[in-house]
Full PDB file with SEQRES, HELIX, SHEET, SSBOND, CRYST1, ORIGX, SCALE, CONECT and MASTER records, all heavy atoms in Angstrom:
SEQRES   1 A   40  ARG GLN ALA PRO GLY LYS GLU ARG GLU GLY VAL ALA TYR          
SEQRES   2 A   40  ILE GLY GLY PRO ALA HIS SER ALA ASP TYR GLU ASP SER          
SEQRES   3 A   40  VAL LYS GLY ARG PHE THR ILE SER ARG ASP LYS ALA LYS          
SEQRES   4 A   40  ASN                                                          
SHEET    1 AA1 2 ALA A  12  ILE A  14  0                                        
SHEET    2 AA1 2 ALA A  21  TYR A  23 -1                                        
CRYST1    1.000    1.000    1.000  90.00  90.00  90.00 P 1           1          
ORIGX1      1.000000  0.000000  0.000000        0.00000                         
ORIGX2      0.000000  1.000000  0.000000        0.00000                         
ORIGX3      0.000000  0.000000  1.000000        0.00000                         
SCALE1      1.000000  0.000000  0.000000        0.00000                         
SCALE2      0.000000  1.000000  0.000000        0.00000                         
SCALE3      0.000000  0.000000  1.000000        0.00000                         
ATOM      1  N   ARG A   1      -4.842   6.456  -1.731  1.00  0.00           N  
ATOM      2  CA  ARG A   1      -4.596   7.836  -1.347  1.00  0.00           C  
ATOM      3  C   ARG A   1      -4.486   7.936   0.162  1.00  0.00           C  
ATOM      4  O   ARG A   1      -4.994   7.093   0.894  1.00  0.00           O  
ATOM      5  CB  ARG A   1      -5.687   8.777  -1.862  1.00  0.00           C  
ATOM      6  CG  ARG A   1      -7.048   8.587  -1.209  1.00  0.00           C  
ATOM      7  CD  ARG A   1      -8.088   9.456  -1.888  1.00  0.00           C  
ATOM      8  NE  ARG A   1      -9.399   9.338  -1.260  1.00  0.00           N  
ATOM      9  CZ  ARG A   1     -10.508   9.894  -1.725  1.00  0.00           C  
ATOM     10  NH1 ARG A   1     -10.466  10.623  -2.844  1.00  0.00           N  
ATOM     11  NH2 ARG A   1     -11.660   9.728  -1.086  1.00  0.00           N  
ATOM     12  N   GLN A   2      -3.827   8.992   0.607  1.00  0.00           N  
ATOM     13  CA  GLN A   2      -3.708   9.243   2.031  1.00  0.00           C  
ATOM     14  C   GLN A   2      -3.718  10.737   2.286  1.00  0.00           C  
ATOM     15  O   GLN A   2      -2.915  11.478   1.729  1.00  0.00           O  
ATOM     16  CB  GLN A   2      -2.437   8.621   2.605  1.00  0.00           C  
ATOM     17  CG  GLN A   2      -2.357   8.724   4.121  1.00  0.00           C  
ATOM     18  CD  GLN A   2      -1.271   7.839   4.701  1.00  0.00           C  
ATOM     19  OE1 GLN A   2      -0.291   7.527   4.038  1.00  0.00           O  
ATOM     20  NE2 GLN A   2      -1.450   7.428   5.942  1.00  0.00           N  
ATOM     21  N   ALA A   3      -4.636  11.163   3.133  1.00  0.00           N  
ATOM     22  CA  ALA A   3      -4.727  12.548   3.543  1.00  0.00           C  
ATOM     23  C   ALA A   3      -4.072  12.712   4.904  1.00  0.00           C  
ATOM     24  O   ALA A   3      -3.991  11.754   5.683  1.00  0.00           O  
ATOM     25  CB  ALA A   3      -6.185  12.988   3.607  1.00  0.00           C  
ATOM     26  N   PRO A   4      -3.592  13.910   5.225  1.00  0.00           N  
ATOM     27  CA  PRO A   4      -2.964  14.133   6.530  1.00  0.00           C  
ATOM     28  C   PRO A   4      -3.876  13.744   7.679  1.00  0.00           C  
ATOM     29  O   PRO A   4      -5.048  14.123   7.708  1.00  0.00           O  
ATOM     30  CB  PRO A   4      -2.686  15.639   6.526  1.00  0.00           C  
ATOM     31  CG  PRO A   4      -2.563  15.992   5.085  1.00  0.00           C  
ATOM     32  CD  PRO A   4      -3.565  15.118   4.388  1.00  0.00           C  
ATOM     33  N   GLY A   5      -3.337  12.973   8.601  1.00  0.00           N  
ATOM     34  CA  GLY A   5      -4.097  12.561   9.760  1.00  0.00           C  
ATOM     35  C   GLY A   5      -5.081  11.437   9.517  1.00  0.00           C  
ATOM     36  O   GLY A   5      -5.816  11.065  10.436  1.00  0.00           O  
ATOM     37  N   LYS A   6      -5.113  10.912   8.308  1.00  0.00           N  
ATOM     38  CA  LYS A   6      -6.045   9.846   7.984  1.00  0.00           C  
ATOM     39  C   LYS A   6      -5.313   8.594   7.527  1.00  0.00           C  
ATOM     40  O   LYS A   6      -4.150   8.641   7.135  1.00  0.00           O  
ATOM     41  CB  LYS A   6      -7.024  10.297   6.905  1.00  0.00           C  
ATOM     42  CG  LYS A   6      -7.958  11.413   7.331  1.00  0.00           C  
ATOM     43  CD  LYS A   6      -9.006  11.682   6.277  1.00  0.00           C  
ATOM     44  CE  LYS A   6      -9.991  12.733   6.735  1.00  0.00           C  
ATOM     45  NZ  LYS A   6     -11.039  12.982   5.715  1.00  0.00           N  
ATOM     46  N   GLU A   7      -6.009   7.499   7.585  1.00  0.00           N  
ATOM     47  CA  GLU A   7      -5.460   6.232   7.133  1.00  0.00           C  
ATOM     48  C   GLU A   7      -5.391   6.185   5.612  1.00  0.00           C  
ATOM     49  O   GLU A   7      -6.180   6.818   4.909  1.00  0.00           O  
ATOM     50  CB  GLU A   7      -6.324   5.082   7.640  1.00  0.00           C  
ATOM     51  CG  GLU A   7      -6.456   4.992   9.148  1.00  0.00           C  
ATOM     52  CD  GLU A   7      -5.564   3.934   9.733  1.00  0.00           C  
ATOM     53  OE1 GLU A   7      -5.397   2.875   9.105  1.00  0.00           O  
ATOM     54  OE2 GLU A   7      -5.018   4.157  10.821  1.00  0.00           O  
ATOM     55  N   ARG A   8      -4.439   5.431   5.122  1.00  0.00           N  
ATOM     56  CA  ARG A   8      -4.354   5.181   3.694  1.00  0.00           C  
ATOM     57  C   ARG A   8      -5.569   4.375   3.247  1.00  0.00           C  
ATOM     58  O   ARG A   8      -5.982   3.424   3.919  1.00  0.00           O  
ATOM     59  CB  ARG A   8      -3.062   4.427   3.389  1.00  0.00           C  
ATOM     60  CG  ARG A   8      -2.809   4.142   1.936  1.00  0.00           C  
ATOM     61  CD  ARG A   8      -1.408   3.610   1.742  1.00  0.00           C  
ATOM     62  NE  ARG A   8      -1.133   2.492   2.632  1.00  0.00           N  
ATOM     63  CZ  ARG A   8       0.074   1.986   2.840  1.00  0.00           C  
ATOM     64  NH1 ARG A   8       1.133   2.517   2.247  1.00  0.00           N  
ATOM     65  NH2 ARG A   8       0.230   0.960   3.660  1.00  0.00           N  
ATOM     66  N   GLU A   9      -6.141   4.745   2.134  1.00  0.00           N  
ATOM     67  CA  GLU A   9      -7.331   4.070   1.664  1.00  0.00           C  
ATOM     68  C   GLU A   9      -7.266   3.824   0.162  1.00  0.00           C  
ATOM     69  O   GLU A   9      -6.656   4.574  -0.590  1.00  0.00           O  
ATOM     70  CB  GLU A   9      -8.587   4.882   1.984  1.00  0.00           C  
ATOM     71  CG  GLU A   9      -8.638   6.234   1.295  1.00  0.00           C  
ATOM     72  CD  GLU A   9      -9.909   7.006   1.603  1.00  0.00           C  
ATOM     73  OE1 GLU A   9     -10.772   6.493   2.337  1.00  0.00           O  
ATOM     74  OE2 GLU A   9     -10.047   8.146   1.101  1.00  0.00           O  
ATOM     75  N   GLY A  10      -7.914   2.765  -0.248  1.00  0.00           N  
ATOM     76  CA  GLY A  10      -8.010   2.480  -1.661  1.00  0.00           C  
ATOM     77  C   GLY A  10      -8.949   3.444  -2.348  1.00  0.00           C  
ATOM     78  O   GLY A  10      -9.867   3.999  -1.735  1.00  0.00           O  
ATOM     79  N   VAL A  11      -8.731   3.651  -3.623  1.00  0.00           N  
ATOM     80  CA  VAL A  11      -9.546   4.553  -4.422  1.00  0.00           C  
ATOM     81  C   VAL A  11     -10.185   3.815  -5.595  1.00  0.00           C  
ATOM     82  O   VAL A  11     -11.410   3.782  -5.733  1.00  0.00           O  
ATOM     83  CB  VAL A  11      -8.720   5.740  -4.946  1.00  0.00           C  
ATOM     84  CG1 VAL A  11      -9.579   6.648  -5.824  1.00  0.00           C  
ATOM     85  CG2 VAL A  11      -8.113   6.524  -3.792  1.00  0.00           C  
ATOM     86  N   ALA A  12      -9.344   3.233  -6.429  1.00  0.00           N  
ATOM     87  CA  ALA A  12      -9.824   2.570  -7.631  1.00  0.00           C  
ATOM     88  C   ALA A  12      -8.896   1.431  -7.990  1.00  0.00           C  
ATOM     89  O   ALA A  12      -7.701   1.467  -7.699  1.00  0.00           O  
ATOM     90  CB  ALA A  12      -9.924   3.562  -8.795  1.00  0.00           C  
ATOM     91  N   TYR A  13      -9.449   0.445  -8.664  1.00  0.00           N  
ATOM     92  CA  TYR A  13      -8.697  -0.748  -8.993  1.00  0.00           C  
ATOM     93  C   TYR A  13      -9.068  -1.214 -10.395  1.00  0.00           C  
ATOM     94  O   TYR A  13     -10.223  -1.073 -10.817  1.00  0.00           O  
ATOM     95  CB  TYR A  13      -9.009  -1.887  -8.012  1.00  0.00           C  
ATOM     96  CG  TYR A  13      -9.151  -1.449  -6.576  1.00  0.00           C  
ATOM     97  CD1 TYR A  13     -10.377  -1.008  -6.093  1.00  0.00           C  
ATOM     98  CD2 TYR A  13      -8.063  -1.482  -5.713  1.00  0.00           C  
ATOM     99  CE1 TYR A  13     -10.519  -0.604  -4.779  1.00  0.00           C  
ATOM    100  CE2 TYR A  13      -8.192  -1.082  -4.394  1.00  0.00           C  
ATOM    101  CZ  TYR A  13      -9.419  -0.645  -3.930  1.00  0.00           C  
ATOM    102  OH  TYR A  13      -9.551  -0.248  -2.621  1.00  0.00           O  
ATOM    103  N   ILE A  14      -8.099  -1.763 -11.093  1.00  0.00           N  
ATOM    104  CA  ILE A  14      -8.378  -2.352 -12.392  1.00  0.00           C  
ATOM    105  C   ILE A  14      -7.721  -3.718 -12.432  1.00  0.00           C  
ATOM    106  O   ILE A  14      -6.543  -3.870 -12.142  1.00  0.00           O  
ATOM    107  CB  ILE A  14      -7.919  -1.447 -13.555  1.00  0.00           C  
ATOM    108  CG1 ILE A  14      -8.363  -2.026 -14.893  1.00  0.00           C  
ATOM    109  CG2 ILE A  14      -6.412  -1.213 -13.520  1.00  0.00           C  
ATOM    110  CD1 ILE A  14      -8.293  -1.012 -16.032  1.00  0.00           C  
ATOM    111  N   GLY A  15      -8.510  -4.725 -12.768  1.00  0.00           N  
ATOM    112  CA  GLY A  15      -8.048  -6.091 -12.762  1.00  0.00           C  
ATOM    113  C   GLY A  15      -7.101  -6.408 -13.895  1.00  0.00           C  
ATOM    114  O   GLY A  15      -6.941  -5.634 -14.845  1.00  0.00           O  
ATOM    115  N   GLY A  16      -6.472  -7.551 -13.789  1.00  0.00           N  
ATOM    116  CA  GLY A  16      -5.527  -7.983 -14.808  1.00  0.00           C  
ATOM    117  C   GLY A  16      -6.186  -8.549 -16.038  1.00  0.00           C  
ATOM    118  O   GLY A  16      -6.487  -7.816 -16.979  1.00  0.00           O  
ATOM    119  N   PRO A  17      -6.420  -9.852 -16.054  1.00  0.00           N  
ATOM    120  CA  PRO A  17      -6.929 -10.488 -17.275  1.00  0.00           C  
ATOM    121  C   PRO A  17      -8.253  -9.930 -17.777  1.00  0.00           C  
ATOM    122  O   PRO A  17      -8.437  -9.782 -18.992  1.00  0.00           O  
ATOM    123  CB  PRO A  17      -7.082 -11.954 -16.854  1.00  0.00           C  
ATOM    124  CG  PRO A  17      -6.101 -12.131 -15.750  1.00  0.00           C  
ATOM    125  CD  PRO A  17      -6.126 -10.831 -14.999  1.00  0.00           C  
ATOM    126  N   ALA A  18      -9.166  -9.611 -16.870  1.00  0.00           N  
ATOM    127  CA  ALA A  18     -10.499  -9.181 -17.270  1.00  0.00           C  
ATOM    128  C   ALA A  18     -10.600  -7.688 -17.538  1.00  0.00           C  
ATOM    129  O   ALA A  18     -11.586  -7.236 -18.118  1.00  0.00           O  
ATOM    130  CB  ALA A  18     -11.508  -9.587 -16.203  1.00  0.00           C  
ATOM    131  N   HIS A  19      -9.636  -6.917 -17.075  1.00  0.00           N  
ATOM    132  CA  HIS A  19      -9.610  -5.459 -17.247  1.00  0.00           C  
ATOM    133  C   HIS A  19     -10.793  -4.760 -16.594  1.00  0.00           C  
ATOM    134  O   HIS A  19     -11.149  -3.650 -16.980  1.00  0.00           O  
ATOM    135  CB  HIS A  19      -9.555  -5.089 -18.728  1.00  0.00           C  
ATOM    136  CG  HIS A  19      -8.377  -5.642 -19.450  1.00  0.00           C  
ATOM    137  ND1 HIS A  19      -8.286  -5.618 -20.826  1.00  0.00           N  
ATOM    138  CD2 HIS A  19      -7.246  -6.231 -19.009  1.00  0.00           C  
ATOM    139  CE1 HIS A  19      -7.144  -6.172 -21.192  1.00  0.00           C  
ATOM    140  NE2 HIS A  19      -6.495  -6.560 -20.106  1.00  0.00           N  
ATOM    141  N   SER A  20     -11.410  -5.397 -15.627  1.00  0.00           N  
ATOM    142  CA  SER A  20     -12.540  -4.799 -14.961  1.00  0.00           C  
ATOM    143  C   SER A  20     -12.082  -3.732 -13.977  1.00  0.00           C  
ATOM    144  O   SER A  20     -11.007  -3.833 -13.389  1.00  0.00           O  
ATOM    145  CB  SER A  20     -13.360  -5.858 -14.236  1.00  0.00           C  
ATOM    146  OG  SER A  20     -12.565  -6.541 -13.278  1.00  0.00           O  
ATOM    147  N   ALA A  21     -12.911  -2.725 -13.810  1.00  0.00           N  
ATOM    148  CA  ALA A  21     -12.608  -1.626 -12.909  1.00  0.00           C  
ATOM    149  C   ALA A  21     -13.547  -1.647 -11.714  1.00  0.00           C  
ATOM    150  O   ALA A  21     -14.738  -1.936 -11.856  1.00  0.00           O  
ATOM    151  CB  ALA A  21     -12.720  -0.291 -13.637  1.00  0.00           C  
ATOM    152  N   ASP A  22     -13.010  -1.331 -10.561  1.00  0.00           N  
ATOM    153  CA  ASP A  22     -13.800  -1.263  -9.339  1.00  0.00           C  
ATOM    154  C   ASP A  22     -13.412  -0.018  -8.580  1.00  0.00           C  
ATOM    155  O   ASP A  22     -12.269   0.433  -8.639  1.00  0.00           O  
ATOM    156  CB  ASP A  22     -13.578  -2.505  -8.477  1.00  0.00           C  
ATOM    157  CG  ASP A  22     -14.049  -3.778  -9.145  1.00  0.00           C  
ATOM    158  OD1 ASP A  22     -15.267  -4.021  -9.147  1.00  0.00           O  
ATOM    159  OD2 ASP A  22     -13.199  -4.518  -9.682  1.00  0.00           O  
ATOM    160  N   TYR A  23     -14.365   0.532  -7.838  1.00  0.00           N  
ATOM    161  CA  TYR A  23     -14.155   1.790  -7.157  1.00  0.00           C  
ATOM    162  C   TYR A  23     -14.709   1.738  -5.744  1.00  0.00           C  
ATOM    163  O   TYR A  23     -15.697   1.051  -5.473  1.00  0.00           O  
ATOM    164  CB  TYR A  23     -14.845   2.933  -7.901  1.00  0.00           C  
ATOM    165  CG  TYR A  23     -14.430   3.037  -9.341  1.00  0.00           C  
ATOM    166  CD1 TYR A  23     -15.114   2.347 -10.335  1.00  0.00           C  
ATOM    167  CD2 TYR A  23     -13.344   3.818  -9.704  1.00  0.00           C  
ATOM    168  CE1 TYR A  23     -14.722   2.430 -11.664  1.00  0.00           C  
ATOM    169  CE2 TYR A  23     -12.943   3.912 -11.030  1.00  0.00           C  
ATOM    170  CZ  TYR A  23     -13.642   3.207 -12.001  1.00  0.00           C  
ATOM    171  OH  TYR A  23     -13.246   3.293 -13.316  1.00  0.00           O  
ATOM    172  N   GLU A  24     -14.072   2.479  -4.870  1.00  0.00           N  
ATOM    173  CA  GLU A  24     -14.638   2.671  -3.552  1.00  0.00           C  
ATOM    174  C   GLU A  24     -15.843   3.596  -3.661  1.00  0.00           C  
ATOM    175  O   GLU A  24     -15.930   4.433  -4.568  1.00  0.00           O  
ATOM    176  CB  GLU A  24     -13.605   3.242  -2.601  1.00  0.00           C  
ATOM    177  CG  GLU A  24     -12.402   2.334  -2.377  1.00  0.00           C  
ATOM    178  CD  GLU A  24     -12.774   0.987  -1.770  1.00  0.00           C  
ATOM    179  OE1 GLU A  24     -13.753   0.923  -0.995  1.00  0.00           O  
ATOM    180  OE2 GLU A  24     -12.074  -0.010  -2.062  1.00  0.00           O  
ATOM    181  N   ASP A  25     -16.766   3.443  -2.733  1.00  0.00           N  
ATOM    182  CA  ASP A  25     -18.007   4.207  -2.787  1.00  0.00           C  
ATOM    183  C   ASP A  25     -17.772   5.715  -2.792  1.00  0.00           C  
ATOM    184  O   ASP A  25     -18.543   6.470  -3.395  1.00  0.00           O  
ATOM    185  CB  ASP A  25     -18.910   3.834  -1.620  1.00  0.00           C  
ATOM    186  CG  ASP A  25     -19.508   2.450  -1.758  1.00  0.00           C  
ATOM    187  OD1 ASP A  25     -19.497   1.895  -2.876  1.00  0.00           O  
ATOM    188  OD2 ASP A  25     -20.003   1.923  -0.752  1.00  0.00           O  
ATOM    189  N   SER A  26     -16.722   6.159  -2.130  1.00  0.00           N  
ATOM    190  CA  SER A  26     -16.461   7.578  -2.011  1.00  0.00           C  
ATOM    191  C   SER A  26     -16.162   8.261  -3.344  1.00  0.00           C  
ATOM    192  O   SER A  26     -16.325   9.477  -3.467  1.00  0.00           O  
ATOM    193  CB  SER A  26     -15.301   7.826  -1.044  1.00  0.00           C  
ATOM    194  OG  SER A  26     -14.127   7.179  -1.492  1.00  0.00           O  
ATOM    195  N   VAL A  27     -15.732   7.487  -4.337  1.00  0.00           N  
ATOM    196  CA  VAL A  27     -15.373   8.071  -5.627  1.00  0.00           C  
ATOM    197  C   VAL A  27     -16.183   7.501  -6.781  1.00  0.00           C  
ATOM    198  O   VAL A  27     -16.041   7.964  -7.922  1.00  0.00           O  
ATOM    199  CB  VAL A  27     -13.871   7.905  -5.924  1.00  0.00           C  
ATOM    200  CG1 VAL A  27     -13.029   8.462  -4.784  1.00  0.00           C  
ATOM    201  CG2 VAL A  27     -13.521   6.435  -6.174  1.00  0.00           C  
ATOM    202  N   LYS A  28     -17.018   6.552  -6.513  1.00  0.00           N  
ATOM    203  CA  LYS A  28     -17.792   5.902  -7.563  1.00  0.00           C  
ATOM    204  C   LYS A  28     -18.664   6.916  -8.301  1.00  0.00           C  
ATOM    205  O   LYS A  28     -19.356   7.725  -7.691  1.00  0.00           O  
ATOM    206  CB  LYS A  28     -18.647   4.791  -6.958  1.00  0.00           C  
ATOM    207  CG  LYS A  28     -19.253   3.837  -7.971  1.00  0.00           C  
ATOM    208  CD  LYS A  28     -19.925   2.658  -7.274  1.00  0.00           C  
ATOM    209  CE  LYS A  28     -18.923   1.833  -6.483  1.00  0.00           C  
ATOM    210  NZ  LYS A  28     -19.562   0.652  -5.833  1.00  0.00           N  
ATOM    211  N   GLY A  29     -18.611   6.868  -9.608  1.00  0.00           N  
ATOM    212  CA  GLY A  29     -19.364   7.795 -10.428  1.00  0.00           C  
ATOM    213  C   GLY A  29     -18.622   9.064 -10.760  1.00  0.00           C  
ATOM    214  O   GLY A  29     -19.060   9.832 -11.631  1.00  0.00           O  
ATOM    215  N   ARG A  30     -17.510   9.316 -10.081  1.00  0.00           N  
ATOM    216  CA  ARG A  30     -16.728  10.523 -10.319  1.00  0.00           C  
ATOM    217  C   ARG A  30     -15.343  10.223 -10.890  1.00  0.00           C  
ATOM    218  O   ARG A  30     -14.810  11.018 -11.653  1.00  0.00           O  
ATOM    219  CB  ARG A  30     -16.568  11.320  -9.027  1.00  0.00           C  
ATOM    220  CG  ARG A  30     -17.887  11.777  -8.422  1.00  0.00           C  
ATOM    221  CD  ARG A  30     -17.656  12.717  -7.239  1.00  0.00           C  
ATOM    222  NE  ARG A  30     -16.958  12.050  -6.146  1.00  0.00           N  
ATOM    223  CZ  ARG A  30     -15.767  12.419  -5.678  1.00  0.00           C  
ATOM    224  NH1 ARG A  30     -15.137  13.469  -6.206  1.00  0.00           N  
ATOM    225  NH2 ARG A  30     -15.217  11.758  -4.665  1.00  0.00           N  
ATOM    226  N   PHE A  31     -14.761   9.100 -10.495  1.00  0.00           N  
ATOM    227  CA  PHE A  31     -13.413   8.736 -10.918  1.00  0.00           C  
ATOM    228  C   PHE A  31     -13.460   7.571 -11.902  1.00  0.00           C  
ATOM    229  O   PHE A  31     -14.340   6.706 -11.816  1.00  0.00           O  
ATOM    230  CB  PHE A  31     -12.559   8.307  -9.723  1.00  0.00           C  
ATOM    231  CG  PHE A  31     -12.173   9.414  -8.785  1.00  0.00           C  
ATOM    232  CD1 PHE A  31     -12.770  10.665  -8.843  1.00  0.00           C  
ATOM    233  CD2 PHE A  31     -11.201   9.186  -7.826  1.00  0.00           C  
ATOM    234  CE1 PHE A  31     -12.412  11.672  -7.968  1.00  0.00           C  
ATOM    235  CE2 PHE A  31     -10.830  10.183  -6.947  1.00  0.00           C  
ATOM    236  CZ  PHE A  31     -11.432  11.426  -7.010  1.00  0.00           C  
ATOM    237  N   THR A  32     -12.494   7.539 -12.801  1.00  0.00           N  
ATOM    238  CA  THR A  32     -12.374   6.451 -13.760  1.00  0.00           C  
ATOM    239  C   THR A  32     -10.919   6.012 -13.846  1.00  0.00           C  
ATOM    240  O   THR A  32     -10.039   6.831 -14.102  1.00  0.00           O  
ATOM    241  CB  THR A  32     -12.857   6.865 -15.155  1.00  0.00           C  
ATOM    242  OG1 THR A  32     -14.213   7.304 -15.093  1.00  0.00           O  
ATOM    243  CG2 THR A  32     -12.771   5.680 -16.116  1.00  0.00           C  
ATOM    244  N   ILE A  33     -10.678   4.732 -13.639  1.00  0.00           N  
ATOM    245  CA  ILE A  33      -9.340   4.183 -13.785  1.00  0.00           C  
ATOM    246  C   ILE A  33      -9.237   3.499 -15.144  1.00  0.00           C  
ATOM    247  O   ILE A  33     -10.178   2.861 -15.603  1.00  0.00           O  
ATOM    248  CB  ILE A  33      -9.004   3.203 -12.643  1.00  0.00           C  
ATOM    249  CG1 ILE A  33      -7.542   2.745 -12.730  1.00  0.00           C  
ATOM    250  CG2 ILE A  33      -9.948   2.008 -12.638  1.00  0.00           C  
ATOM    251  CD1 ILE A  33      -7.085   1.926 -11.524  1.00  0.00           C  
ATOM    252  N   SER A  34      -8.092   3.640 -15.778  1.00  0.00           N  
ATOM    253  CA  SER A  34      -7.876   3.008 -17.068  1.00  0.00           C  
ATOM    254  C   SER A  34      -6.409   2.631 -17.209  1.00  0.00           C  
ATOM    255  O   SER A  34      -5.557   3.069 -16.438  1.00  0.00           O  
ATOM    256  CB  SER A  34      -8.310   3.915 -18.220  1.00  0.00           C  
ATOM    257  OG  SER A  34      -7.562   5.115 -18.236  1.00  0.00           O  
ATOM    258  N   ARG A  35      -6.132   1.825 -18.208  1.00  0.00           N  
ATOM    259  CA  ARG A  35      -4.772   1.337 -18.436  1.00  0.00           C  
ATOM    260  C   ARG A  35      -4.476   1.337 -19.923  1.00  0.00           C  
ATOM    261  O   ARG A  35      -5.265   0.838 -20.727  1.00  0.00           O  
ATOM    262  CB  ARG A  35      -4.634  -0.070 -17.844  1.00  0.00           C  
ATOM    263  CG  ARG A  35      -3.341  -0.795 -18.146  1.00  0.00           C  
ATOM    264  CD  ARG A  35      -3.306  -2.129 -17.409  1.00  0.00           C  
ATOM    265  NE  ARG A  35      -4.525  -2.891 -17.649  1.00  0.00           N  
ATOM    266  CZ  ARG A  35      -5.046  -3.747 -16.780  1.00  0.00           C  
ATOM    267  NH1 ARG A  35      -4.466  -3.949 -15.603  1.00  0.00           N  
ATOM    268  NH2 ARG A  35      -6.164  -4.391 -17.085  1.00  0.00           N  
ATOM    269  N   ASP A  36      -3.342   1.895 -20.289  1.00  0.00           N  
ATOM    270  CA  ASP A  36      -2.869   1.886 -21.657  1.00  0.00           C  
ATOM    271  C   ASP A  36      -1.722   0.889 -21.713  1.00  0.00           C  
ATOM    272  O   ASP A  36      -0.612   1.174 -21.259  1.00  0.00           O  
ATOM    273  CB  ASP A  36      -2.412   3.277 -22.089  1.00  0.00           C  
ATOM    274  CG  ASP A  36      -2.060   3.356 -23.559  1.00  0.00           C  
ATOM    275  OD1 ASP A  36      -1.578   2.353 -24.122  1.00  0.00           O  
ATOM    276  OD2 ASP A  36      -2.262   4.432 -24.157  1.00  0.00           O  
ATOM    277  N   LYS A  37      -1.984  -0.275 -22.257  1.00  0.00           N  
ATOM    278  CA  LYS A  37      -0.981  -1.326 -22.270  1.00  0.00           C  
ATOM    279  C   LYS A  37       0.233  -0.974 -23.124  1.00  0.00           C  
ATOM    280  O   LYS A  37       1.357  -1.322 -22.776  1.00  0.00           O  
ATOM    281  CB  LYS A  37      -1.608  -2.631 -22.749  1.00  0.00           C  
ATOM    282  CG  LYS A  37      -2.673  -3.177 -21.812  1.00  0.00           C  
ATOM    283  CD  LYS A  37      -3.250  -4.475 -22.337  1.00  0.00           C  
ATOM    284  CE  LYS A  37      -4.291  -5.019 -21.387  1.00  0.00           C  
ATOM    285  NZ  LYS A  37      -4.855  -6.302 -21.868  1.00  0.00           N  
ATOM    286  N   ALA A  38       0.007  -0.298 -24.230  1.00  0.00           N  
ATOM    287  CA  ALA A  38       1.101   0.070 -25.115  1.00  0.00           C  
ATOM    288  C   ALA A  38       2.079   1.016 -24.432  1.00  0.00           C  
ATOM    289  O   ALA A  38       3.286   0.964 -24.677  1.00  0.00           O  
ATOM    290  CB  ALA A  38       0.571   0.689 -26.395  1.00  0.00           C  
ATOM    291  N   LYS A  39       1.559   1.896 -23.582  1.00  0.00           N  
ATOM    292  CA  LYS A  39       2.391   2.858 -22.880  1.00  0.00           C  
ATOM    293  C   LYS A  39       2.794   2.386 -21.491  1.00  0.00           C  
ATOM    294  O   LYS A  39       3.572   3.063 -20.812  1.00  0.00           O  
ATOM    295  CB  LYS A  39       1.660   4.192 -22.760  1.00  0.00           C  
ATOM    296  CG  LYS A  39       1.372   4.864 -24.091  1.00  0.00           C  
ATOM    297  CD  LYS A  39       0.645   6.178 -23.887  1.00  0.00           C  
ATOM    298  CE  LYS A  39       0.375   6.861 -25.207  1.00  0.00           C  
ATOM    299  NZ  LYS A  39      -0.364   8.145 -25.030  1.00  0.00           N  
ATOM    300  N   ASN A  40       2.266   1.230 -21.074  1.00  0.00           N  
ATOM    301  CA  ASN A  40       2.513   0.713 -19.730  1.00  0.00           C  
ATOM    302  C   ASN A  40       2.201   1.785 -18.683  1.00  0.00           C  
ATOM    303  O   ASN A  40       2.980   2.034 -17.754  1.00  0.00           O  
ATOM    304  CB  ASN A  40       3.954   0.222 -19.578  1.00  0.00           C  
ATOM    305  CG  ASN A  40       4.047  -1.021 -18.704  1.00  0.00           C  
ATOM    306  OD1 ASN A  40       3.327  -2.002 -18.928  1.00  0.00           O  
ATOM    307  ND2 ASN A  40       4.929  -0.999 -17.713  1.00  0.00           N  
TER     308      ASN A  40                                                      
MASTER        0    0    0    0    2    0    0    6  307    1    0    4          
END                                                                             
């Protein structure tokens, strides 16, 4: 994400083979990343 006047920053990530999810501290506990493989 990027807000006006601020640097671009990561928010959430989901790994490939393991499907693990990781979050930046600023959104941890509030945001959830997921992937639907059938729908890509």
